[in-house]
Amino acid sequence: MLDKYIEIQKNEIIKRTQELIQIPSVFACSKNPDRPFGNSINNALEYMLNLGKSLGFRTKNIDGYCGYIEFGEGPNLIGIIGHLDVVPEGDNWTYPPFSRYYL
């Protein structure tokens, strides 16, 4: 069942992953208490929370420090957490690091 869903949603999954990759979520010092790690990391966090919400998950942004999406209740609760920040891109890329690239 999951395999079939993934196959049906394959193009959408790729599109959403590409959109996330295009956000240069590199740490930046910030004096904004709502964006403690800078605008780009906040943009990535908001992107994922909005995506989760659009897919029917409950979402929570915890003061810009982290967020999570969840679905279900009690023993059937599924929660998803991860990190969205990346190291600075550096030099010598064959392809631009925050762009779509098709093989």
C-alpha atoms as a PDB file:
ATOM      1  CA  MET A   1       0.000   0.000   0.000  1.00  0.00           C
ATOM      2  CA  LEU A   2       2.774   2.444   0.898  1.00  0.00           C
ATOM      3  CA  ASP A   3       4.749   1.478  -2.207  1.00  0.00           C
ATOM      4  CA  LYS A   4       1.729   2.208  -4.395  1.00  0.00           C
ATOM      5  CA  TYR A   5       1.160   5.585  -2.709  1.00  0.00           C
ATOM      6  CA  ILE A   6       4.812   6.549  -3.179  1.00  0.00           C
ATOM      7  CA  GLU A   7       4.705   5.540  -6.843  1.00  0.00           C
ATOM      8  CA  ILE A   8       1.557   7.623  -7.408  1.00  0.00           C
ATOM      9  CA  GLN A   9       3.064  10.601  -5.571  1.00  0.00           C
ATOM     10  CA  LYS A  10       6.588  10.212  -6.972  1.00  0.00           C
ATOM     11  CA  ASN A  11       6.602  13.388  -9.097  1.00  0.00           C
ATOM     12  CA  GLU A  12       5.094  15.457  -6.284  1.00  0.00           C
ATOM     13  CA  ILE A  13       7.648  14.110  -3.801  1.00  0.00           C
ATOM     14  CA  ILE A  14      10.481  15.028  -6.177  1.00  0.00           C
ATOM     15  CA  LYS A  15       9.023  18.499  -6.767  1.00  0.00           C
ATOM     16  CA  ARG A  16       8.644  19.234  -3.042  1.00  0.00           C
ATOM     17  CA  THR A  17      12.155  17.931  -2.313  1.00  0.00           C
ATOM     18  CA  GLN A  18      13.568  20.180  -5.040  1.00  0.00           C
ATOM     19  CA  GLU A  19      11.715  23.169  -3.592  1.00  0.00           C
ATOM     20  CA  LEU A  20      13.184  22.473  -0.145  1.00  0.00           C
ATOM     21  CA  ILE A  21      16.705  22.028  -1.548  1.00  0.00           C
ATOM     22  CA  GLN A  22      16.459  25.452  -3.179  1.00  0.00           C
ATOM     23  CA  ILE A  23      16.210  27.115   0.250  1.00  0.00           C
ATOM     24  CA  PRO A  24      19.794  27.911   1.334  1.00  0.00           C
ATOM     25  CA  SER A  25      19.186  26.989   4.978  1.00  0.00           C
ATOM     26  CA  VAL A  26      22.634  27.982   6.250  1.00  0.00           C
ATOM     27  CA  PHE A  27      22.924  29.327   9.818  1.00  0.00           C
ATOM     28  CA  ALA A  28      23.045  33.094  10.152  1.00  0.00           C
ATOM     29  CA  CYS A  29      23.309  35.119  13.341  1.00  0.00           C
ATOM     30  CA  SER A  30      19.973  36.730  14.087  1.00  0.00           C
ATOM     31  CA  LYS A  31      18.676  39.199  16.634  1.00  0.00           C
ATOM     32  CA  ASN A  32      15.090  38.331  15.696  1.00  0.00           C
ATOM     33  CA  PRO A  33      13.721  36.116  18.497  1.00  0.00           C
ATOM     34  CA  ASP A  34      11.232  34.512  16.065  1.00  0.00           C
ATOM     35  CA  ARG A  35      14.071  33.470  13.736  1.00  0.00           C
ATOM     36  CA  PRO A  36      16.945  32.545  16.053  1.00  0.00           C
ATOM     37  CA  PHE A  37      18.982  30.826  13.306  1.00  0.00           C
ATOM     38  CA  GLY A  38      18.352  33.380  10.557  1.00  0.00           C
ATOM     39  CA  ASN A  39      15.840  33.944   7.788  1.00  0.00           C
ATOM     40  CA  SER A  40      16.885  31.076   5.513  1.00  0.00           C
ATOM     41  CA  ILE A  41      16.593  28.381   8.173  1.00  0.00           C
ATOM     42  CA  ASN A  42      13.254  29.861   9.215  1.00  0.00           C
ATOM     43  CA  ASN A  43      12.125  29.754   5.577  1.00  0.00           C
ATOM     44  CA  ALA A  44      12.978  26.037   5.401  1.00  0.00           C
ATOM     45  CA  LEU A  45      11.167  25.365   8.685  1.00  0.00           C
ATOM     46  CA  GLU A  46       8.064  27.249   7.546  1.00  0.00           C
ATOM     47  CA  TYR A  47       8.163  25.510   4.159  1.00  0.00           C
ATOM     48  CA  MET A  48       8.092  22.070   5.792  1.00  0.00           C
ATOM     49  CA  LEU A  49       5.453  22.999   8.367  1.00  0.00           C
ATOM     50  CA  ASN A  50       3.219  24.428   5.642  1.00  0.00           C
ATOM     51  CA  LEU A  51       3.755  21.333   3.514  1.00  0.00           C
ATOM     52  CA  GLY A  52       2.891  19.101   6.464  1.00  0.00           C
ATOM     53  CA  LYS A  53      -0.233  21.120   7.171  1.00  0.00           C
ATOM     54  CA  SER A  54      -1.305  20.921   3.510  1.00  0.00           C
ATOM     55  CA  LEU A  55      -0.978  17.125   3.729  1.00  0.00           C
ATOM     56  CA  GLY A  56      -3.270  16.952   6.759  1.00  0.00           C
ATOM     57  CA  PHE A  57      -0.705  16.856   9.568  1.00  0.00           C
ATOM     58  CA  ARG A  58      -0.871  18.936  12.727  1.00  0.00           C
ATOM     59  CA  THR A  59       2.165  21.188  12.921  1.00  0.00           C
ATOM     60  CA  LYS A  60       3.972  23.080  15.625  1.00  0.00           C
ATOM     61  CA  ASN A  61       6.674  25.742  15.382  1.00  0.00           C
ATOM     62  CA  ILE A  62       8.508  26.000  18.706  1.00  0.00           C
ATOM     63  CA  ASP A  63       9.755  29.587  18.787  1.00  0.00           C
ATOM     64  CA  GLY A  64      11.733  29.161  15.557  1.00  0.00           C
ATOM     65  CA  TYR A  65      14.092  26.672  17.233  1.00  0.00           C
ATOM     66  CA  CYS A  66      12.383  23.585  15.851  1.00  0.00           C
ATOM     67  CA  GLY A  67       9.093  22.287  14.643  1.00  0.00           C
ATOM     68  CA  TYR A  68       7.314  19.021  14.128  1.00  0.00           C
ATOM     69  CA  ILE A  69       4.449  17.484  12.236  1.00  0.00           C
ATOM     70  CA  GLU A  70       2.236  14.742  13.595  1.00  0.00           C
ATOM     71  CA  PHE A  71      -0.743  12.648  12.608  1.00  0.00           C
ATOM     72  CA  GLY A  72      -3.046  10.409  14.619  1.00  0.00           C
ATOM     73  CA  GLU A  73      -3.826  10.114  18.294  1.00  0.00           C
ATOM     74  CA  GLY A  74      -2.643   8.151  21.331  1.00  0.00           C
ATOM     75  CA  PRO A  75      -0.884   4.882  20.467  1.00  0.00           C
ATOM     76  CA  ASN A  76      -1.495   5.543  16.762  1.00  0.00           C
ATOM     77  CA  LEU A  77       0.392   8.849  16.757  1.00  0.00           C
ATOM     78  CA  ILE A  78       3.076   9.344  14.134  1.00  0.00           C
ATOM     79  CA  GLY A  79       5.487  12.229  14.620  1.00  0.00           C
ATOM     80  CA  ILE A  80       8.126  13.402  12.180  1.00  0.00           C
ATOM     81  CA  ILE A  81      11.165  15.414  13.158  1.00  0.00           C
ATOM     82  CA  GLY A  82      14.438  16.112  11.360  1.00  0.00           C
ATOM     83  CA  HIS A  83      16.783  18.972  10.656  1.00  0.00           C
ATOM     84  CA  LEU A  84      16.764  21.310   7.695  1.00  0.00           C
ATOM     85  CA  ASP A  85      19.953  23.307   8.130  1.00  0.00           C
ATOM     86  CA  VAL A  86      22.946  22.715   5.901  1.00  0.00           C
ATOM     87  CA  VAL A  87      26.635  23.554   6.061  1.00  0.00           C
ATOM     88  CA  PRO A  88      27.813  26.552   4.019  1.00  0.00           C
ATOM     89  CA  GLU A  89      28.051  25.600   0.347  1.00  0.00           C
ATOM     90  CA  GLY A  90      31.705  26.471  -0.213  1.00  0.00           C
ATOM     91  CA  ASP A  91      33.338  26.520  -3.654  1.00  0.00           C
ATOM     92  CA  ASN A  92      33.955  24.214  -6.631  1.00  0.00           C
ATOM     93  CA  TRP A  93      30.463  22.926  -7.250  1.00  0.00           C
ATOM     94  CA  THR A  94      29.776  21.283 -10.603  1.00  0.00           C
ATOM     95  CA  TYR A  95      26.140  22.358 -10.303  1.00  0.00           C
ATOM     96  CA  PRO A  96      24.766  25.208  -8.178  1.00  0.00           C
ATOM     97  CA  PRO A  97      24.072  23.718  -4.719  1.00  0.00           C
ATOM     98  CA  PHE A  98      20.653  25.330  -4.182  1.00  0.00           C
ATOM     99  CA  SER A  99      19.108  24.724  -7.577  1.00  0.00           C
ATOM    100  CA  ARG A 100      17.199  22.054  -9.379  1.00  0.00           C
ATOM    101  CA  TYR A 101      19.328  19.646 -11.308  1.00  0.00           C
ATOM    102  CA  TYR A 102      17.986  16.990 -13.619  1.00  0.00           C
ATOM    103  CA  LEU A 103      20.042  14.010 -14.674  1.00  0.00           C
END
